[in-house]
């Protein structure tokens, strides 16, 4: 008998055909939690339409994986693949975000375990693991985790984790659509139809690559990512709300009002409700009522020295101490001044084999190549314009820009010395 698919209506991809195995996984409690975890965290406070969840994004990634696999099958490129690889890849696409914390990536910025590691027990133990082992074999959970973490030796690894993975294609397209902006205008059909199975020029094994005719579509993906970071993900008001949320959760963890082990089990509203019960504060009330902290200082990374301010992104304990000392020096209370410098991400990361028109295969990396995509200088410039160092406060207060720049660009050791001496801005 033919496989009985269910149809799920989706505003982005229209009809998503879901097979019985995927339906069983979708019905597990771990996956259902994703209905209540927003894809873009607190961006809905700026873009009201950005209330879509990890649930529909996961279904969209599953859909794109099915399209890519069907295309390989039509072109008879599946001969190099294990017969059972398709279901494993589709399940990996479906489950790749199952360990996500409430409000997107914000908690990873305060040192919480990466969501891919949080996913491990959810996929390898319990209801999800039982379904996978019963349908795909005893080693299925471990194979899926390897794909999610980017450590699989599968030729299809690149569909799940890589320069052109389907997760990236899906979230950029969906996020732009739901926010009502056109920055994520990616030629998805061209991209998918440009995917090929090639022999890796370095390892001599089958892997996912792209045909040379698809490079312009790849460029559209890279620039969409930059535009979305600049205008949505790192929008100043989104970062203000994120800084407030990080301070709330970090403070509750330090005070013992929350346990790090339980964070990934909460939904967005569930976590805020827990904070209201065990760690109520004016900061929490301000966030819930959208009384966001205001910018009292900002400067793009392009105007900072190389590596300047990185301690703000990397050393959470130092940041909290500095915030409170700055608040005192500015006549505010602890928690009323917040520093923000988004964690560095690969803006235009690229490492993918390209099938040339002459039949040869060449690896395209961030170093680029002549006559194609030349990324190193471009990537640095885009980073410098999208990533901003900011200081937020509960109300407008005057600061001297040169003093903030001097502080932010000091080595962490010198910042600690100043704290010991009881001074930061002098």
Protein backbone atom coordinates (compact mmCIF):
# COMPACT_ATOMS: atom_id res chain seq x y z
CA UNK A 1 0.00 0.00 0.00
CA UNK A 2 1.23 3.56 -0.67
CA UNK A 3 2.40 5.59 2.30
CA UNK A 4 -0.40 7.66 3.80
CA UNK A 5 0.75 11.28 4.04
CA UNK A 6 -0.96 14.02 5.99
CA UNK A 7 -1.09 17.53 4.53
CA UNK A 8 -0.20 20.47 6.77
CA UNK A 9 -1.03 23.91 5.41
CA UNK A 10 1.81 26.39 5.74
CA UNK A 11 1.79 30.10 4.82
CA UNK A 12 5.28 29.91 3.32
CA UNK A 13 5.46 26.55 1.52
CA UNK A 14 1.71 26.01 1.04
CA UNK A 15 1.22 22.22 1.42
CA UNK A 16 3.71 20.22 3.49
CA UNK A 17 3.27 16.47 3.04
CA UNK A 18 4.17 14.70 6.28
CA UNK A 19 4.80 10.94 6.36
CA UNK A 20 3.60 8.66 9.20
CA UNK A 21 7.05 8.53 10.86
CA UNK A 22 7.32 12.31 10.96
CA UNK A 23 3.77 12.55 12.32
CA UNK A 24 4.68 10.24 15.20
CA UNK A 25 7.69 12.44 16.00
CA UNK A 26 5.62 15.63 15.74
CA UNK A 27 3.16 14.21 18.27
CA UNK A 28 5.81 13.69 20.97
CA UNK A 29 5.75 16.15 23.90
CA UNK A 30 9.31 17.31 23.16
CA UNK A 31 8.37 18.38 19.65
CA UNK A 32 5.02 19.88 20.63
CA UNK A 33 6.85 22.25 23.01
CA UNK A 34 8.28 23.95 19.91
CA UNK A 35 4.81 25.36 19.17
CA UNK A 36 5.37 27.70 22.10
CA UNK A 37 9.00 28.72 21.42
CA UNK A 38 9.18 31.70 19.08
CA UNK A 39 11.59 31.41 16.19
CA UNK A 40 12.86 34.97 16.57
CA UNK A 41 12.78 35.35 20.32
CA UNK A 42 11.81 38.89 21.28
CA UNK A 43 11.75 40.28 17.73
CA UNK A 44 7.93 40.31 17.86
CA UNK A 45 8.23 43.38 20.10
CA UNK A 46 9.54 45.20 17.02
CA UNK A 47 8.00 43.21 14.15
CA UNK A 48 4.54 42.12 15.36
CA UNK A 49 4.31 39.40 12.72
CA UNK A 50 7.40 37.67 14.08
CA UNK A 51 5.38 35.40 16.33
CA UNK A 52 6.09 32.25 14.32
CA UNK A 53 7.53 29.33 16.22
CA UNK A 54 10.27 26.74 16.00
CA UNK A 55 7.46 24.25 15.27
CA UNK A 56 6.61 25.54 11.80
CA UNK A 57 10.28 26.23 11.02
CA UNK A 58 11.09 22.58 11.78
CA UNK A 59 8.28 21.43 9.51
CA UNK A 60 9.60 23.74 6.81
CA UNK A 61 13.12 22.30 7.08
CA UNK A 62 11.62 18.80 6.85
CA UNK A 63 9.74 19.90 3.73
CA UNK A 64 12.88 21.27 2.06
CA UNK A 65 14.79 18.09 2.91
CA UNK A 66 12.09 16.07 1.17
CA UNK A 67 12.27 18.31 -1.89
CA UNK A 68 16.05 18.01 -2.10
CA UNK A 69 15.99 14.23 -1.73
CA UNK A 70 13.25 13.87 -4.35
CA UNK A 71 15.32 15.96 -6.73
CA UNK A 72 18.37 13.71 -6.23
CA UNK A 73 16.16 10.70 -6.86
CA UNK A 74 14.77 12.19 -10.08
CA UNK A 75 18.28 12.90 -11.35
CA UNK A 76 19.46 9.43 -10.32
CA UNK A 77 22.06 10.96 -8.01
CA UNK A 78 21.05 8.76 -5.09
CA UNK A 79 23.22 5.83 -6.19
CA UNK A 80 26.06 7.05 -3.97
CA UNK A 81 23.76 7.20 -0.95
CA UNK A 82 22.69 4.53 1.47
CA UNK A 83 19.11 3.47 0.82
CA UNK A 84 17.95 4.39 4.32
CA UNK A 85 19.74 7.78 4.31
CA UNK A 86 16.63 9.68 3.15
CA UNK A 87 14.43 9.03 6.19
CA UNK A 88 17.38 9.74 8.53
CA UNK A 89 18.02 13.09 6.83
CA UNK A 90 14.34 14.08 6.86
CA UNK A 91 14.10 13.26 10.57
CA UNK A 92 17.29 15.22 11.29
CA UNK A 93 15.81 18.24 9.50
CA UNK A 94 12.60 17.87 11.51
CA UNK A 95 14.37 17.49 14.87
CA UNK A 96 17.31 19.86 14.46
CA UNK A 97 15.85 22.54 16.79
CA UNK A 98 14.17 20.29 19.34
CA UNK A 99 16.54 21.44 22.10
CA UNK A 100 16.02 25.17 21.60
CA UNK A 101 15.66 27.36 24.67
CA UNK A 102 12.83 29.83 25.15
CA UNK A 103 13.31 33.05 23.17
CA UNK A 104 15.72 31.71 20.59
CA UNK A 105 19.51 31.94 21.06
CA UNK A 106 19.61 34.52 23.86
CA UNK A 107 20.39 32.08 26.68
CA UNK A 108 23.35 30.65 24.78
CA UNK A 109 24.81 34.17 25.00
CA UNK A 110 24.92 33.91 28.80
CA UNK A 111 26.74 30.59 28.70
CA UNK A 112 23.88 28.09 28.63
CA UNK A 113 24.64 24.79 26.92
CA UNK A 114 24.31 24.99 23.13
CA UNK A 115 20.87 23.92 21.92
CA UNK A 116 22.35 21.11 19.81
CA UNK A 117 23.76 19.52 22.96
CA UNK A 118 20.46 20.04 24.76
CA UNK A 119 18.86 18.09 21.91
CA UNK A 120 20.98 14.99 22.55
CA UNK A 121 18.97 13.49 25.47
CA UNK A 122 15.70 14.52 23.79
CA UNK A 123 16.62 12.55 20.67
CA UNK A 124 18.56 9.62 22.14
CA UNK A 125 16.33 8.92 25.19
CA UNK A 126 12.57 8.85 25.67
CA UNK A 127 9.63 9.01 23.28
CA UNK A 128 11.52 10.42 20.26
CA UNK A 129 14.25 7.78 20.56
CA UNK A 130 11.67 5.00 20.85
CA UNK A 131 9.99 6.06 17.61
CA UNK A 132 13.28 6.41 15.76
CA UNK A 133 14.66 3.05 16.87
CA UNK A 134 11.42 1.25 16.09
CA UNK A 135 11.18 2.71 12.58
CA UNK A 136 14.78 3.31 11.47
CA UNK A 137 17.00 0.99 13.52
CA UNK A 138 18.83 0.91 16.84
CA UNK A 139 21.47 3.45 15.78
CA UNK A 140 19.04 5.97 14.25
CA UNK A 141 19.09 8.51 17.13
CA UNK A 142 22.88 8.61 17.15
CA UNK A 143 23.05 8.99 13.35
CA UNK A 144 20.55 11.84 13.49
CA UNK A 145 22.50 13.57 16.26
CA UNK A 146 25.68 13.33 14.20
CA UNK A 147 23.93 15.06 11.30
CA UNK A 148 22.61 17.81 13.58
CA UNK A 149 26.03 18.40 15.14
CA UNK A 150 27.81 18.36 11.78
CA UNK A 151 29.94 15.32 12.57
CA UNK A 152 28.30 12.71 10.33
CA UNK A 153 30.19 10.96 7.53
CA UNK A 154 26.97 10.87 5.49
CA UNK A 155 27.23 12.34 1.97
CA UNK A 156 24.08 14.30 2.85
CA UNK A 157 25.61 16.03 5.89
CA UNK A 158 25.59 19.35 4.05
CA UNK A 159 21.79 19.39 3.87
CA UNK A 160 21.55 19.55 7.68
CA UNK A 161 24.68 21.44 8.76
CA UNK A 162 26.89 23.38 6.37
CA UNK A 163 27.27 26.48 4.21
CA UNK A 164 24.06 25.77 2.33
CA UNK A 165 22.07 23.77 4.86
CA UNK A 166 18.29 23.71 4.56
CA UNK A 167 17.83 25.15 8.05
CA UNK A 168 19.44 28.39 6.88
CA UNK A 169 17.39 28.54 3.68
CA UNK A 170 14.18 27.95 5.62
CA UNK A 171 14.68 30.37 8.48
CA UNK A 172 15.85 33.25 6.30
CA UNK A 173 12.89 32.86 3.96
CA UNK A 174 10.33 32.37 6.76
CA UNK A 175 11.69 35.09 9.04
CA UNK A 176 11.60 37.71 6.28
CA UNK A 177 8.09 36.62 5.24
CA UNK A 178 6.69 36.76 8.78
CA UNK A 179 8.39 40.07 9.61
CA UNK A 180 6.98 41.62 6.45
CA UNK A 181 10.37 42.58 5.03
CA UNK A 182 11.93 41.63 1.71
CA UNK A 183 15.49 41.14 2.93
CA UNK A 184 15.21 37.35 2.76
CA UNK A 185 14.33 37.26 -0.93
CA UNK A 186 16.18 34.02 -1.71
CA UNK A 187 15.79 32.10 -4.96
CA UNK A 188 14.97 28.84 -3.19
CA UNK A 189 14.02 26.88 -6.32
CA UNK A 190 17.26 27.84 -8.03
CA UNK A 191 19.27 26.92 -4.95
CA UNK A 192 17.63 23.52 -4.52
CA UNK A 193 17.94 22.69 -8.19
CA UNK A 194 21.62 23.67 -8.09
CA UNK A 195 22.43 21.14 -5.35
CA UNK A 196 24.42 18.17 -6.60
CA UNK A 197 26.14 15.10 -5.17
CA UNK A 198 29.81 15.41 -6.08
CA UNK A 199 33.09 13.79 -5.11
CA UNK A 200 34.79 15.90 -2.47
CA UNK A 201 38.05 17.15 -4.03
CA UNK A 202 39.91 16.82 -0.72
CA UNK A 203 38.54 13.57 0.67
CA UNK A 204 37.48 11.69 -2.45
CA UNK A 205 34.07 10.82 -0.95
CA UNK A 206 30.52 11.74 -2.06
CA UNK A 207 29.21 14.99 -0.60
CA UNK A 208 26.70 17.77 -1.21
CA UNK A 209 27.90 20.52 -3.53
CA UNK A 210 26.45 23.18 -5.80
CA UNK A 211 26.66 23.56 -9.56
CA UNK A 212 28.45 26.65 -10.84
CA UNK A 213 25.25 28.00 -12.36
CA UNK A 214 23.80 28.25 -8.84
CA UNK A 215 26.44 30.66 -7.50
CA UNK A 216 24.27 33.71 -8.05
CA UNK A 217 21.51 32.10 -5.97
CA UNK A 218 24.10 31.32 -3.30
CA UNK A 219 25.08 34.99 -3.28
CA UNK A 220 21.43 35.89 -2.68
CA UNK A 221 21.42 33.62 0.37
CA UNK A 222 24.57 35.19 1.80
CA UNK A 223 23.33 38.74 1.33
CA UNK A 224 19.90 37.86 2.73
CA UNK A 225 21.63 36.61 5.87
CA UNK A 226 23.55 39.86 6.22
CA UNK A 227 20.43 41.98 5.64
CA UNK A 228 18.41 40.02 8.18
CA UNK A 229 21.11 40.38 10.83
CA UNK A 230 21.43 44.09 10.19
CA UNK A 231 17.72 44.90 10.06
CA UNK A 232 15.96 42.22 12.14
CA UNK A 233 18.10 39.92 14.29
CA UNK A 234 20.40 42.73 15.52
CA UNK A 235 17.87 45.59 15.33
CA UNK A 236 18.60 47.93 18.25
CA UNK A 237 15.21 47.43 19.95
CA UNK A 238 15.43 43.65 19.55
CA UNK A 239 18.88 43.75 21.16
CA UNK A 240 17.56 45.95 23.98
CA UNK A 241 14.82 43.42 24.77
CA UNK A 242 17.33 40.58 24.47
CA UNK A 243 19.75 42.28 26.86
CA UNK A 244 16.94 42.75 29.38
CA UNK A 245 15.90 39.10 29.05
CA UNK A 246 19.48 37.85 29.42
CA UNK A 247 19.95 39.92 32.57
CA UNK A 248 16.70 38.59 34.04
CA UNK A 249 17.51 34.93 33.45
CA UNK A 250 21.16 35.28 34.39
CA UNK A 251 20.19 36.96 37.66
CA UNK A 252 17.65 34.25 38.46
CA UNK A 253 20.22 31.52 37.77
CA UNK A 254 22.81 33.20 39.99
CA UNK A 255 20.26 33.64 42.78
CA UNK A 256 19.11 30.03 42.54
CA UNK A 257 15.58 30.99 41.52
CA UNK A 258 16.03 29.02 38.29
CA UNK A 259 17.98 25.88 37.50
CA UNK A 260 20.10 25.71 34.33
CA UNK A 261 19.05 22.06 33.91
CA UNK A 262 15.38 23.01 33.54
CA UNK A 263 15.72 25.92 31.09
CA UNK A 264 15.25 23.93 27.90
CA UNK A 265 11.99 22.46 29.19
CA UNK A 266 10.21 25.81 29.35
CA UNK A 267 8.13 27.52 26.70
CA UNK A 268 8.55 31.26 26.15
CA UNK A 269 5.64 32.31 28.34
CA UNK A 270 6.29 29.47 30.76
CA UNK A 271 9.73 30.85 31.57
CA UNK A 272 8.44 34.39 32.06
CA UNK A 273 5.72 33.01 34.34
CA UNK A 274 8.37 31.14 36.35
CA UNK A 275 10.40 34.33 36.68
CA UNK A 276 7.32 36.22 37.82
CA UNK A 277 6.72 33.59 40.52
CA UNK A 278 10.27 33.23 41.83
CA UNK A 279 12.18 36.33 40.72
CA UNK A 280 9.76 39.26 40.22
CA UNK A 281 11.46 42.56 39.42
CA UNK A 282 10.89 45.95 37.78
CA UNK A 283 13.04 44.72 34.88
CA UNK A 284 10.69 41.80 34.25
CA UNK A 285 7.65 44.09 34.39
CA UNK A 286 9.32 46.48 31.95
CA UNK A 287 10.03 43.69 29.48
CA UNK A 288 6.51 42.29 29.64
CA UNK A 289 5.01 45.76 29.14
CA UNK A 290 7.47 46.63 26.35
CA UNK A 291 9.12 49.47 28.23
CA UNK A 292 12.42 48.74 26.58
CA UNK A 293 15.69 50.26 27.74
CA UNK A 294 16.96 53.13 25.60
CA UNK A 295 20.25 53.47 23.77
CA UNK A 296 22.63 55.82 25.54
CA UNK A 297 25.61 54.78 23.43
CA UNK A 298 26.20 52.83 20.24
CA UNK A 299 29.03 52.31 17.80
CA UNK A 300 29.46 49.87 14.90
CA UNK A 301 32.21 47.30 15.04
CA UNK A 302 33.77 48.97 12.00
CA UNK A 303 34.68 51.95 14.21
CA UNK A 304 36.23 49.84 16.97
CA UNK A 305 39.72 48.36 17.08
CA UNK A 306 40.05 44.72 16.01
CA UNK A 307 38.86 42.47 18.87
CA UNK A 308 37.76 45.55 20.82
CA UNK A 309 34.80 44.84 23.09
CA UNK A 310 34.93 41.06 22.67
CA UNK A 311 34.93 40.59 26.46
CA UNK A 312 31.38 42.00 26.40
CA UNK A 313 30.31 39.13 24.14
CA UNK A 314 32.36 36.43 25.86
CA UNK A 315 32.70 37.11 29.61
CA UNK A 316 29.23 37.19 31.14
CA UNK A 317 30.30 37.47 34.79
CA UNK A 318 32.53 40.45 34.02
CA UNK A 319 29.76 42.13 32.00
CA UNK A 320 27.28 41.96 34.90
CA UNK A 321 29.82 43.46 37.32
CA UNK A 322 30.66 46.24 34.87
CA UNK A 323 26.97 46.97 34.24
CA UNK A 324 26.31 47.47 37.92
CA UNK A 325 29.37 49.67 38.44
CA UNK A 326 28.41 51.77 35.41
CA UNK A 327 24.90 52.13 36.84
CA UNK A 328 26.32 53.44 40.12
CA UNK A 329 28.57 55.91 38.33
CA UNK A 330 25.62 57.16 36.26
CA UNK A 331 23.30 57.52 39.24
CA UNK A 332 21.19 54.46 38.44
CA UNK A 333 20.43 51.24 40.29
CA UNK A 334 22.03 47.84 39.57
CA UNK A 335 20.37 46.26 36.54
CA UNK A 336 19.38 49.63 35.05
CA UNK A 337 22.38 49.74 32.68
CA UNK A 338 23.05 46.93 30.21
CA UNK A 339 25.90 46.30 27.78
CA UNK A 340 25.30 44.55 24.49
CA UNK A 341 27.67 43.27 21.82
CA UNK A 342 26.16 40.34 19.89
CA UNK A 343 28.15 37.13 19.93
CA UNK A 344 30.26 36.88 16.80
CA UNK A 345 28.73 34.69 14.12
CA UNK A 346 29.86 33.57 10.69
CA UNK A 347 28.28 36.32 8.61
CA UNK A 348 29.35 34.90 5.26
CA UNK A 349 30.82 31.54 6.21
CA UNK A 350 31.37 29.45 3.11
CA UNK A 351 32.92 26.04 2.46
CA UNK A 352 31.28 24.03 -0.31
CA UNK A 353 32.39 22.06 -3.39
CA UNK A 354 31.34 23.59 -6.71
CA UNK A 355 30.71 21.51 -9.83
CA UNK A 356 32.32 23.58 -12.60
CA UNK A 357 30.90 23.84 -16.07
CA UNK A 358 33.84 21.81 -17.39
CA UNK A 359 32.94 18.91 -15.04
CA UNK A 360 35.68 19.59 -12.50
CA UNK A 361 35.02 20.14 -8.81
CA UNK A 362 36.60 22.97 -6.83
CA UNK A 363 36.05 23.90 -3.19
CA UNK A 364 34.72 27.42 -2.63
CA UNK A 365 35.68 28.80 0.78
CA UNK A 366 35.61 32.19 2.46
CA UNK A 367 38.86 32.93 0.59
CA UNK A 368 36.81 33.01 -2.63
CA UNK A 369 38.25 32.56 -6.08
CA UNK A 370 38.97 34.80 -9.02
CA UNK A 371 35.93 35.60 -11.14
CA UNK A 372 33.49 34.10 -8.63
CA UNK A 373 32.58 35.12 -5.07
CA UNK A 374 35.43 36.99 -3.39
CA UNK A 375 34.36 37.17 0.22
CA UNK A 376 37.11 37.97 2.75
CA UNK A 377 37.08 41.78 2.54
CA UNK A 378 33.36 41.89 1.86
CA UNK A 379 32.60 39.69 4.87
CA UNK A 380 34.67 41.90 7.16
CA UNK A 381 32.94 45.05 5.93
CA UNK A 382 29.45 43.59 6.28
CA UNK A 383 30.26 42.41 9.79
CA UNK A 384 31.46 45.85 10.74
CA UNK A 385 28.23 47.50 9.63
CA UNK A 386 25.79 44.93 11.09
CA UNK A 387 27.31 44.35 14.52
CA UNK A 388 27.02 47.24 16.99
CA UNK A 389 28.29 47.77 20.50
CA UNK A 390 25.53 49.35 22.55
CA UNK A 391 24.82 50.55 26.09
CA UNK A 392 21.17 50.55 27.15
CA UNK A 393 19.65 52.22 30.23
CA UNK A 394 16.21 52.37 31.80
CA UNK A 395 16.11 56.12 31.09
CA UNK A 396 18.12 58.66 29.16
CA UNK A 397 21.37 59.59 30.89
CA UNK A 398 24.36 61.41 29.47
CA UNK A 399 27.59 59.51 28.87
CA UNK A 400 30.80 60.54 27.21
CA UNK A 401 31.20 58.46 24.10
CA UNK A 402 34.98 58.45 24.26
CA UNK A 403 34.90 57.06 27.81
CA UNK A 404 32.63 54.16 26.79
CA UNK A 405 34.81 53.38 23.78
CA UNK A 406 37.92 53.46 25.95
CA UNK A 407 36.32 51.11 28.48
CA UNK A 408 34.96 48.68 25.90
CA UNK A 409 38.26 48.38 24.08
CA UNK A 410 40.35 47.74 27.18
CA UNK A 411 41.59 44.18 27.74
CA UNK A 412 39.44 42.25 30.21
CA UNK A 413 42.31 42.23 32.71
CA UNK A 414 42.47 46.02 32.72
CA UNK A 415 38.69 46.26 33.14
CA UNK A 416 39.00 44.05 36.24
CA UNK A 417 41.75 46.32 37.59
CA UNK A 418 39.49 49.33 37.21
CA UNK A 419 36.68 47.53 39.01
CA UNK A 420 39.03 46.76 41.88
CA UNK A 421 39.88 50.46 42.06
CA UNK A 422 36.18 51.35 41.99
CA UNK A 423 36.30 53.30 38.74
CA UNK A 424 35.32 52.65 35.14
CA UNK A 425 34.63 55.92 33.34
CA UNK A 426 37.29 58.10 34.91
